């Protein structure tokens, strides 16, 4: 079995520095993931809201025509 020995001050400092670095890297990964998600959502929103010309399509939430909703400014509440 391994012996339980006390860590020296240098070993403790080295281990703490390693853990701090891992925490920084983990925070950076989260920031990068959130930034990527936000960018993808914004790009998707821009793509989704491009003018459709005279194309007709059905609203997913209700049976109304979305082109009619866009042209009149009257939007349904999704069948509520």
Protein backbone atom coordinates (compact mmCIF):
# COMPACT_ATOMS: atom_id res chain seq x y z
CA UNK A 1 0.00 0.00 0.00
CA UNK A 2 1.04 3.57 -0.58
CA UNK A 3 2.26 5.54 2.35
CA UNK A 4 0.34 8.59 3.49
CA UNK A 5 2.93 11.31 3.55
CA UNK A 6 2.55 15.00 4.10
CA UNK A 7 2.88 17.24 1.06
CA UNK A 8 5.60 19.83 1.09
CA UNK A 9 4.74 23.50 0.65
CA UNK A 10 6.08 23.40 -2.89
CA UNK A 11 3.91 20.39 -3.78
CA UNK A 12 0.83 22.08 -2.33
CA UNK A 13 1.54 25.28 -4.25
CA UNK A 14 2.10 23.33 -7.46
CA UNK A 15 -1.13 21.37 -7.01
CA UNK A 16 -3.10 24.54 -6.25
CA UNK A 17 -1.68 26.25 -9.34
CA UNK A 18 -2.65 23.22 -11.44
CA UNK A 19 -6.21 23.30 -10.06
CA UNK A 20 -6.50 27.04 -10.64
CA UNK A 21 -5.39 26.57 -14.25
CA UNK A 22 -7.95 23.78 -14.74
CA UNK A 23 -10.69 26.04 -13.36
CA UNK A 24 -9.69 28.85 -15.73
CA UNK A 25 -9.72 26.45 -18.68
CA UNK A 26 -13.14 25.10 -17.66
CA UNK A 27 -14.56 28.65 -17.42
CA UNK A 28 -13.11 29.48 -20.83
CA UNK A 29 -14.70 26.38 -22.36
CA UNK A 30 -18.07 27.42 -20.93
CA UNK A 31 -17.68 30.98 -22.30
CA UNK A 32 -16.70 29.67 -25.73
CA UNK A 33 -19.64 27.25 -25.79
CA UNK A 34 -22.09 29.99 -24.76
CA UNK A 35 -20.67 32.39 -27.36
CA UNK A 36 -20.97 29.72 -30.06
CA UNK A 37 -24.54 28.90 -29.04
CA UNK A 38 -25.48 32.59 -29.05
CA UNK A 39 -23.91 33.07 -32.48
CA UNK A 40 -25.71 30.05 -33.91
CA UNK A 41 -29.03 31.22 -32.48
CA UNK A 42 -28.55 34.72 -33.90
CA UNK A 43 -27.55 33.38 -37.32
CA UNK A 44 -30.55 31.08 -37.29
CA UNK A 45 -32.83 33.95 -36.32
CA UNK A 46 -31.48 36.07 -39.15
CA UNK A 47 -31.94 33.22 -41.61
CA UNK A 48 -35.44 32.49 -40.31
CA UNK A 49 -36.64 36.09 -40.52
CA UNK A 50 -35.52 36.86 -44.04
CA UNK A 51 -38.28 38.20 -46.28
CA UNK A 52 -40.07 35.36 -48.02
CA UNK A 53 -41.49 37.32 -50.94
CA UNK A 54 -44.92 35.98 -51.85
CA UNK A 55 -44.30 32.46 -50.59
CA UNK A 56 -47.07 30.95 -48.46
CA UNK A 57 -46.41 28.70 -45.52
CA UNK A 58 -48.40 27.42 -42.59
CA UNK A 59 -47.83 28.58 -39.07
CA UNK A 60 -46.68 25.69 -36.91
CA UNK A 61 -48.61 26.82 -33.84
CA UNK A 62 -51.95 27.22 -35.56
CA UNK A 63 -53.57 26.68 -38.91
CA UNK A 64 -53.37 30.34 -39.91
CA UNK A 65 -51.32 31.61 -42.76
CA UNK A 66 -48.14 33.30 -41.57
CA UNK A 67 -47.96 35.50 -44.68
CA UNK A 68 -51.37 36.91 -43.78
CA UNK A 69 -50.19 37.48 -40.22
CA UNK A 70 -47.09 39.31 -41.45
CA UNK A 71 -48.97 41.46 -43.97
CA UNK A 72 -51.78 42.50 -41.62
CA UNK A 73 -49.79 42.72 -38.41
CA UNK A 74 -52.41 40.56 -36.68
CA UNK A 75 -50.75 37.57 -35.10
CA UNK A 76 -52.65 34.64 -33.66
CA UNK A 77 -52.04 33.44 -30.13
CA UNK A 78 -51.43 29.86 -31.20
CA UNK A 79 -54.90 28.52 -30.52
CA UNK A 80 -55.26 29.80 -26.97
